[in-house]
Amino acid sequence: MVKGDNKGHAYEKKIFKILKEKQLLPHGTKKGAGSGPGTDAPFLHKKKEYRLEVKNSVTAPDYGQKRLIPYQDGKKWRWNWAPKVIDEKITKYYTRIGVLDYLDKKNIIPNKYRKKDGKLTLRDVKDDQKNFEDKTYTISNDAFVKFYEDKADYVQVGKGYGLFHIKEDKAKIGTERFNGKFILRFRAKRHTTKNNYNYSFFAVLKCKEVLRRSRYNLEEDLNNDFPPIKP
């Protein structure tokens, strides 16, 4: 749980204030200080509401962290998505582009699921973390679009990058599509250090670089303009 405001929350409040001052917020909109994906501050354009995600930095957060579970198929260990996420659009997309096949070909033999929880040692945990860790899997910007397509229409990025649409310019305000370089990071993450069995395997979407700045920016930066949004 995050206590107080971090830079991301402070930036969200800044954008919320700008939208409020320009009367671009739907009536009754209240700004929360939550974290994670979702609409941070919906805005109005020509009396229609659009969903806005606000990110002070798009390279810092993890997106679409999805749990994986290994299983034994004969003498070989394979991978599949956890039951709670297996039917999500983003995991289906990952499967379609070959993520599970990629993991299967690595021939990782996990300690967790192969050994009983009570038999797992700290060495087993460290070995699983080392063997599963992988930051080399490059993935298309389409993964970011797929992750957000049911959550937000636009993204406002800090540090001068500005306002982009995610999938399409639904409000027809002339924004560019967000475009970044992404990887899918594979990691084994401990949930506690109190025992040696409470950890999971995850695939995590990470943005390494934003490829261009937008011509529009809700902050009205010197290098870009405020978008032509009208309440």
C-alpha atoms as a PDB file:
ATOM      1  CA  MET A   1       0.000   0.000   0.000  1.00  0.00           C
ATOM      2  CA  VAL A   2       1.343   3.433  -0.897  1.00  0.00           C
ATOM      3  CA  LYS A   3       1.336   5.942   1.953  1.00  0.00           C
ATOM      4  CA  GLY A   4       1.130   9.591   0.923  1.00  0.00           C
ATOM      5  CA  ASP A   5       1.731  10.896  -2.571  1.00  0.00           C
ATOM      6  CA  ASN A   6       4.538   9.688  -4.774  1.00  0.00           C
ATOM      7  CA  LYS A   7       5.572  11.448  -7.982  1.00  0.00           C
ATOM      8  CA  GLY A   8       2.953   9.554 -10.001  1.00  0.00           C
ATOM      9  CA  HIS A   9       0.092  10.584  -7.734  1.00  0.00           C
ATOM     10  CA  ALA A  10       1.317  14.185  -7.626  1.00  0.00           C
ATOM     11  CA  TYR A  11       1.374  14.254 -11.431  1.00  0.00           C
ATOM     12  CA  GLU A  12      -2.144  12.804 -11.635  1.00  0.00           C
ATOM     13  CA  LYS A  13      -3.368  15.568  -9.311  1.00  0.00           C
ATOM     14  CA  LYS A  14      -1.628  18.178 -11.454  1.00  0.00           C
ATOM     15  CA  ILE A  15      -3.374  16.980 -14.642  1.00  0.00           C
ATOM     16  CA  PHE A  16      -6.685  16.664 -12.811  1.00  0.00           C
ATOM     17  CA  LYS A  17      -6.367  20.284 -11.674  1.00  0.00           C
ATOM     18  CA  ILE A  18      -5.661  21.457 -15.242  1.00  0.00           C
ATOM     19  CA  LEU A  19      -8.711  19.636 -16.584  1.00  0.00           C
ATOM     20  CA  LYS A  20     -10.854  20.993 -13.771  1.00  0.00           C
ATOM     21  CA  GLU A  21      -9.722  24.581 -14.373  1.00  0.00           C
ATOM     22  CA  LYS A  22     -10.512  24.258 -18.078  1.00  0.00           C
ATOM     23  CA  GLN A  23     -13.924  22.739 -17.237  1.00  0.00           C
ATOM     24  CA  LEU A  24     -13.079  19.542 -19.099  1.00  0.00           C
ATOM     25  CA  LEU A  25     -14.056  17.128 -16.317  1.00  0.00           C
ATOM     26  CA  PRO A  26     -17.428  15.356 -16.336  1.00  0.00           C
ATOM     27  CA  HIS A  27     -19.763  16.700 -13.649  1.00  0.00           C
ATOM     28  CA  GLY A  28     -19.129  15.120 -10.255  1.00  0.00           C
ATOM     29  CA  THR A  29     -15.739  13.640 -11.114  1.00  0.00           C
ATOM     30  CA  LYS A  30     -13.616  13.091  -8.005  1.00  0.00           C
ATOM     31  CA  LYS A  31      -9.907  12.349  -8.150  1.00  0.00           C
ATOM     32  CA  GLY A  32      -8.782   9.303  -6.235  1.00  0.00           C
ATOM     33  CA  ALA A  33      -5.187   8.504  -5.350  1.00  0.00           C
ATOM     34  CA  GLY A  34      -5.231   4.887  -6.329  1.00  0.00           C
ATOM     35  CA  SER A  35      -2.569   3.090  -8.321  1.00  0.00           C
ATOM     36  CA  GLY A  36      -2.667   0.604 -11.153  1.00  0.00           C
ATOM     37  CA  PRO A  37      -4.350   0.656 -14.540  1.00  0.00           C
ATOM     38  CA  GLY A  38      -7.647   2.391 -15.054  1.00  0.00           C
ATOM     39  CA  THR A  39      -9.133   5.770 -15.827  1.00  0.00           C
ATOM     40  CA  ASP A  40      -7.277   8.424 -13.814  1.00  0.00           C
ATOM     41  CA  ALA A  41      -9.208  11.470 -15.040  1.00  0.00           C
ATOM     42  CA  PRO A  42     -11.934  11.237 -17.679  1.00  0.00           C
ATOM     43  CA  PHE A  43     -12.264  14.319 -19.847  1.00  0.00           C
ATOM     44  CA  LEU A  44     -15.045  15.863 -21.911  1.00  0.00           C
ATOM     45  CA  HIS A  45     -14.857  16.810 -25.567  1.00  0.00           C
ATOM     46  CA  LYS A  46     -17.978  18.167 -27.240  1.00  0.00           C
ATOM     47  CA  LYS A  47     -20.066  16.784 -24.341  1.00  0.00           C
ATOM     48  CA  LYS A  48     -18.727  13.234 -24.774  1.00  0.00           C
ATOM     49  CA  GLU A  49     -16.625  11.533 -22.125  1.00  0.00           C
ATOM     50  CA  TYR A  50     -13.250   9.877 -22.853  1.00  0.00           C
ATOM     51  CA  ARG A  51     -11.030   7.820 -20.562  1.00  0.00           C
ATOM     52  CA  LEU A  52      -7.597   9.191 -19.720  1.00  0.00           C
ATOM     53  CA  GLU A  53      -4.644   7.370 -18.156  1.00  0.00           C
ATOM     54  CA  VAL A  54      -2.062   9.676 -16.576  1.00  0.00           C
ATOM     55  CA  LYS A  55       1.574   8.622 -16.241  1.00  0.00           C
ATOM     56  CA  ASN A  56       4.372  10.785 -14.926  1.00  0.00           C
ATOM     57  CA  SER A  57       6.645   8.082 -16.376  1.00  0.00           C
ATOM     58  CA  VAL A  58       5.643   5.187 -18.619  1.00  0.00           C
ATOM     59  CA  THR A  59       9.001   3.427 -18.212  1.00  0.00           C
ATOM     60  CA  ALA A  60       8.824   2.981 -14.429  1.00  0.00           C
ATOM     61  CA  PRO A  61       5.620   0.925 -13.892  1.00  0.00           C
ATOM     62  CA  ASP A  62       4.927  -2.731 -14.599  1.00  0.00           C
ATOM     63  CA  TYR A  63       1.968  -3.394 -16.911  1.00  0.00           C
ATOM     64  CA  GLY A  64      -0.089  -6.534 -17.185  1.00  0.00           C
ATOM     65  CA  GLN A  65       1.701  -8.612 -14.543  1.00  0.00           C
ATOM     66  CA  LYS A  66       0.307 -12.081 -15.217  1.00  0.00           C
ATOM     67  CA  ARG A  67       1.051 -15.206 -13.230  1.00  0.00           C
ATOM     68  CA  LEU A  68       2.367 -18.365 -14.854  1.00  0.00           C
ATOM     69  CA  ILE A  69       2.247 -21.926 -13.542  1.00  0.00           C
ATOM     70  CA  PRO A  70       4.616 -24.719 -14.623  1.00  0.00           C
ATOM     71  CA  TYR A  71       3.316 -28.243 -15.120  1.00  0.00           C
ATOM     72  CA  GLN A  72       4.951 -31.537 -15.984  1.00  0.00           C
ATOM     73  CA  ASP A  73       4.178 -33.095 -19.364  1.00  0.00           C
ATOM     74  CA  GLY A  74       5.905 -36.455 -19.400  1.00  0.00           C
ATOM     75  CA  LYS A  75       9.536 -35.715 -18.592  1.00  0.00           C
ATOM     76  CA  LYS A  76       9.316 -32.102 -19.738  1.00  0.00           C
ATOM     77  CA  TRP A  77       8.177 -29.039 -17.814  1.00  0.00           C
ATOM     78  CA  ARG A  78       5.859 -26.641 -19.631  1.00  0.00           C
ATOM     79  CA  TRP A  79       4.147 -23.366 -18.771  1.00  0.00           C
ATOM     80  CA  ASN A  80       0.596 -22.038 -18.764  1.00  0.00           C
ATOM     81  CA  TRP A  81      -1.264 -19.069 -17.347  1.00  0.00           C
ATOM     82  CA  ALA A  82      -2.842 -19.172 -13.905  1.00  0.00           C
ATOM     83  CA  PRO A  83      -6.599 -19.952 -14.058  1.00  0.00           C
ATOM     84  CA  LYS A  84      -7.592 -16.420 -12.972  1.00  0.00           C
ATOM     85  CA  VAL A  85      -5.826 -14.773 -15.923  1.00  0.00           C
ATOM     86  CA  ILE A  86      -5.889 -17.432 -18.649  1.00  0.00           C
ATOM     87  CA  ASP A  87      -8.959 -15.958 -20.380  1.00  0.00           C
ATOM     88  CA  GLU A  88      -7.898 -12.304 -20.247  1.00  0.00           C
ATOM     89  CA  LYS A  89      -7.327 -10.518 -23.553  1.00  0.00           C
ATOM     90  CA  ILE A  90      -3.724  -9.708 -22.758  1.00  0.00           C
ATOM     91  CA  THR A  91      -2.783 -13.290 -21.840  1.00  0.00           C
ATOM     92  CA  LYS A  92      -4.527 -14.622 -24.944  1.00  0.00           C
ATOM     93  CA  TYR A  93      -2.483 -12.109 -26.934  1.00  0.00           C
ATOM     94  CA  TYR A  94       0.724 -13.292 -25.235  1.00  0.00           C
ATOM     95  CA  THR A  95      -0.140 -16.893 -26.083  1.00  0.00           C
ATOM     96  CA  ARG A  96      -0.962 -16.011 -29.685  1.00  0.00           C
ATOM     97  CA  ILE A  97       2.434 -14.394 -30.252  1.00  0.00           C
ATOM     98  CA  GLY A  98       4.290 -17.382 -28.787  1.00  0.00           C
ATOM     99  CA  VAL A  99       5.135 -16.467 -25.181  1.00  0.00           C
ATOM    100  CA  LEU A 100       4.341 -19.915 -23.769  1.00  0.00           C
ATOM    101  CA  ASP A 101       6.256 -21.611 -26.584  1.00  0.00           C
ATOM    102  CA  TYR A 102       9.226 -19.367 -25.820  1.00  0.00           C
ATOM    103  CA  LEU A 103       9.220 -20.417 -22.163  1.00  0.00           C
ATOM    104  CA  ASP A 104       8.772 -24.105 -23.007  1.00  0.00           C
ATOM    105  CA  LYS A 105      11.833 -24.020 -25.276  1.00  0.00           C
ATOM    106  CA  LYS A 106      13.982 -22.679 -22.461  1.00  0.00           C
ATOM    107  CA  ASN A 107      13.651 -26.057 -20.705  1.00  0.00           C
ATOM    108  CA  ILE A 108      13.430 -24.535 -17.239  1.00  0.00           C
ATOM    109  CA  ILE A 109      13.046 -27.120 -14.491  1.00  0.00           C
ATOM    110  CA  PRO A 110      11.362 -25.268 -11.596  1.00  0.00           C
ATOM    111  CA  ASN A 111      11.771 -26.138  -7.951  1.00  0.00           C
ATOM    112  CA  LYS A 112       8.349 -24.761  -7.031  1.00  0.00           C
ATOM    113  CA  TYR A 113       5.571 -27.159  -8.127  1.00  0.00           C
ATOM    114  CA  ARG A 114       8.214 -29.887  -8.601  1.00  0.00           C
ATOM    115  CA  LYS A 115       8.913 -30.078  -4.859  1.00  0.00           C
ATOM    116  CA  LYS A 116       6.450 -29.907  -1.982  1.00  0.00           C
ATOM    117  CA  ASP A 117       6.169 -26.495  -0.344  1.00  0.00           C
ATOM    118  CA  GLY A 118       7.616 -27.728   2.930  1.00  0.00           C
ATOM    119  CA  LYS A 119      10.686 -29.079   1.167  1.00  0.00           C
ATOM    120  CA  LEU A 120      11.615 -25.846  -0.615  1.00  0.00           C
ATOM    121  CA  THR A 121      14.785 -24.162   0.626  1.00  0.00           C
ATOM    122  CA  LEU A 122      16.081 -20.623   0.232  1.00  0.00           C
ATOM    123  CA  ARG A 123      18.523 -22.018  -2.336  1.00  0.00           C
ATOM    124  CA  ASP A 124      15.548 -23.383  -4.307  1.00  0.00           C
ATOM    125  CA  VAL A 125      13.928 -19.935  -4.283  1.00  0.00           C
ATOM    126  CA  LYS A 126      17.124 -18.221  -5.443  1.00  0.00           C
ATOM    127  CA  ASP A 127      17.638 -20.806  -8.203  1.00  0.00           C
ATOM    128  CA  ASP A 128      14.078 -20.328  -9.486  1.00  0.00           C
ATOM    129  CA  GLN A 129      14.568 -16.568  -9.485  1.00  0.00           C
ATOM    130  CA  LYS A 130      17.849 -16.863 -11.382  1.00  0.00           C
ATOM    131  CA  ASN A 131      16.647 -19.454 -13.903  1.00  0.00           C
ATOM    132  CA  PHE A 132      13.327 -17.755 -14.678  1.00  0.00           C
ATOM    133  CA  GLU A 133      14.622 -14.171 -14.855  1.00  0.00           C
ATOM    134  CA  ASP A 134      14.680 -12.909 -18.459  1.00  0.00           C
ATOM    135  CA  LYS A 135      14.672  -9.334 -19.772  1.00  0.00           C
ATOM    136  CA  THR A 136      15.462 -10.129 -23.410  1.00  0.00           C
ATOM    137  CA  TYR A 137      11.989 -10.848 -24.825  1.00  0.00           C
ATOM    138  CA  THR A 138      11.089  -7.856 -26.999  1.00  0.00           C
ATOM    139  CA  ILE A 139       7.397  -7.321 -27.698  1.00  0.00           C
ATOM    140  CA  SER A 140       5.351  -5.051 -29.937  1.00  0.00           C
ATOM    141  CA  ASN A 141       3.700  -1.804 -28.845  1.00  0.00           C
ATOM    142  CA  ASP A 142       0.467  -3.691 -29.616  1.00  0.00           C
ATOM    143  CA  ALA A 143       0.811  -5.338 -26.190  1.00  0.00           C
ATOM    144  CA  PHE A 144       0.430  -1.926 -24.516  1.00  0.00           C
ATOM    145  CA  VAL A 145      -2.614  -1.219 -26.697  1.00  0.00           C
ATOM    146  CA  LYS A 146      -4.122  -4.596 -25.841  1.00  0.00           C
ATOM    147  CA  PHE A 147      -3.520  -4.047 -22.128  1.00  0.00           C
ATOM    148  CA  TYR A 148      -5.276  -0.663 -22.094  1.00  0.00           C
ATOM    149  CA  GLU A 149      -7.954  -1.018 -24.763  1.00  0.00           C
ATOM    150  CA  ASP A 150     -10.702  -1.752 -22.204  1.00  0.00           C
ATOM    151  CA  LYS A 151      -9.310   0.675 -19.621  1.00  0.00           C
ATOM    152  CA  ALA A 152      -8.384   3.956 -21.305  1.00  0.00           C
ATOM    153  CA  ASP A 153      -8.648   5.828 -24.615  1.00  0.00           C
ATOM    154  CA  TYR A 154      -5.788   8.300 -24.131  1.00  0.00           C
ATOM    155  CA  VAL A 155      -2.594   8.525 -22.115  1.00  0.00           C
ATOM    156  CA  GLN A 156      -0.951  11.707 -20.829  1.00  0.00           C
ATOM    157  CA  VAL A 157       2.778  11.192 -20.272  1.00  0.00           C
ATOM    158  CA  GLY A 158       4.976  13.472 -18.184  1.00  0.00           C
ATOM    159  CA  LYS A 159       8.513  14.741 -18.821  1.00  0.00           C
ATOM    160  CA  GLY A 160       7.322  16.620 -21.893  1.00  0.00           C
ATOM    161  CA  TYR A 161       6.040  13.631 -23.897  1.00  0.00           C
ATOM    162  CA  GLY A 162       2.438  14.786 -23.834  1.00  0.00           C
ATOM    163  CA  LEU A 163      -0.941  13.391 -24.861  1.00  0.00           C
ATOM    164  CA  PHE A 164      -1.422  10.338 -27.101  1.00  0.00           C
ATOM    165  CA  HIS A 165      -4.316   8.103 -28.047  1.00  0.00           C
ATOM    166  CA  ILE A 166      -3.788   4.449 -27.209  1.00  0.00           C
ATOM    167  CA  LYS A 167      -5.692   2.533 -29.885  1.00  0.00           C
ATOM    168  CA  GLU A 168      -7.505   5.188 -31.900  1.00  0.00           C
ATOM    169  CA  ASP A 169      -8.240   8.905 -31.702  1.00  0.00           C
ATOM    170  CA  LYS A 170     -11.850   8.459 -30.606  1.00  0.00           C
ATOM    171  CA  ALA A 171     -12.392  12.151 -29.892  1.00  0.00           C
ATOM    172  CA  LYS A 172     -10.824  13.125 -33.233  1.00  0.00           C
ATOM    173  CA  ILE A 173      -8.587  15.779 -31.694  1.00  0.00           C
ATOM    174  CA  GLY A 174      -5.561  15.007 -33.843  1.00  0.00           C
ATOM    175  CA  THR A 175      -3.408  13.072 -31.361  1.00  0.00           C
ATOM    176  CA  GLU A 176      -0.726  10.611 -32.394  1.00  0.00           C
ATOM    177  CA  ARG A 177      -0.803   6.977 -31.332  1.00  0.00           C
ATOM    178  CA  PHE A 178       1.439   6.170 -28.376  1.00  0.00           C
ATOM    179  CA  ASN A 179       4.480   4.263 -29.584  1.00  0.00           C
ATOM    180  CA  GLY A 180       7.152   2.760 -27.359  1.00  0.00           C
ATOM    181  CA  LYS A 181       9.740   0.006 -27.138  1.00  0.00           C
ATOM    182  CA  PHE A 182       8.593  -2.822 -24.868  1.00  0.00           C
ATOM    183  CA  ILE A 183       9.880  -6.020 -23.356  1.00  0.00           C
ATOM    184  CA  LEU A 184       8.101  -8.806 -21.538  1.00  0.00           C
ATOM    185  CA  ARG A 185      10.085  -9.487 -18.395  1.00  0.00           C
ATOM    186  CA  PHE A 186       9.899 -12.924 -16.791  1.00  0.00           C
ATOM    187  CA  ARG A 187      10.491 -13.001 -13.057  1.00  0.00           C
ATOM    188  CA  ALA A 188       9.931 -15.144  -9.971  1.00  0.00           C
ATOM    189  CA  LYS A 189       8.666 -12.820  -7.238  1.00  0.00           C
ATOM    190  CA  ARG A 190       8.568 -13.554  -3.523  1.00  0.00           C
ATOM    191  CA  HIS A 191       5.399 -12.499  -1.720  1.00  0.00           C
ATOM    192  CA  THR A 192       7.045 -12.796   1.720  1.00  0.00           C
ATOM    193  CA  THR A 193      10.421 -13.673   3.195  1.00  0.00           C
ATOM    194  CA  LYS A 194       8.836 -15.509   6.116  1.00  0.00           C
ATOM    195  CA  ASN A 195       8.904 -18.829   4.249  1.00  0.00           C
ATOM    196  CA  ASN A 196      10.452 -20.403   1.155  1.00  0.00           C
ATOM    197  CA  TYR A 197       7.309 -21.362  -0.748  1.00  0.00           C
ATOM    198  CA  ASN A 198       5.221 -18.198  -1.095  1.00  0.00           C
ATOM    199  CA  TYR A 199       6.438 -16.935  -4.457  1.00  0.00           C
ATOM    200  CA  SER A 200       5.103 -16.903  -8.014  1.00  0.00           C
ATOM    201  CA  PHE A 201       6.243 -16.745 -11.624  1.00  0.00           C
ATOM    202  CA  PHE A 202       5.171 -13.702 -13.633  1.00  0.00           C
ATOM    203  CA  ALA A 203       5.319 -12.178 -17.102  1.00  0.00           C
ATOM    204  CA  VAL A 204       5.467  -8.382 -16.800  1.00  0.00           C
ATOM    205  CA  LEU A 205       5.134  -5.825 -19.597  1.00  0.00           C
ATOM    206  CA  LYS A 206       7.768  -3.052 -19.361  1.00  0.00           C
ATOM    207  CA  CYS A 207       8.214   0.070 -21.494  1.00  0.00           C
ATOM    208  CA  LYS A 208      11.897   0.778 -22.137  1.00  0.00           C
ATOM    209  CA  GLU A 209      11.540   3.920 -24.253  1.00  0.00           C
ATOM    210  CA  VAL A 210       8.956   6.336 -25.652  1.00  0.00           C
ATOM    211  CA  LEU A 211       9.783   6.754 -29.340  1.00  0.00           C
ATOM    212  CA  ARG A 212       8.467  10.275 -29.912  1.00  0.00           C
ATOM    213  CA  ARG A 213       6.928  13.303 -28.244  1.00  0.00           C
ATOM    214  CA  SER A 214       3.369  14.334 -28.992  1.00  0.00           C
ATOM    215  CA  ARG A 215       2.456  17.646 -30.608  1.00  0.00           C
ATOM    216  CA  TYR A 216      -0.143  18.014 -27.839  1.00  0.00           C
ATOM    217  CA  ASN A 217       0.319  18.228 -24.088  1.00  0.00           C
ATOM    218  CA  LEU A 218      -2.205  18.878 -21.320  1.00  0.00           C
ATOM    219  CA  GLU A 219       0.591  20.679 -19.464  1.00  0.00           C
ATOM    220  CA  GLU A 220       1.006  23.178 -22.326  1.00  0.00           C
ATOM    221  CA  ASP A 221       4.742  22.606 -22.464  1.00  0.00           C
ATOM    222  CA  LEU A 222       6.865  25.022 -24.479  1.00  0.00           C
ATOM    223  CA  ASN A 223       7.546  22.321 -27.072  1.00  0.00           C
ATOM    224  CA  ASN A 224       3.938  21.241 -27.637  1.00  0.00           C
ATOM    225  CA  ASP A 225       0.419  22.707 -27.594  1.00  0.00           C
ATOM    226  CA  PHE A 226      -2.710  22.148 -25.560  1.00  0.00           C
ATOM    227  CA  PRO A 227      -4.988  19.791 -27.536  1.00  0.00           C
ATOM    228  CA  PRO A 228      -8.110  21.238 -29.202  1.00  0.00           C
ATOM    229  CA  ILE A 229     -10.456  19.854 -26.554  1.00  0.00           C
ATOM    230  CA  LYS A 230     -13.746  21.684 -26.076  1.00  0.00           C
ATOM    231  CA  PRO A 231     -16.240  20.846 -23.305  1.00  0.00           C
END
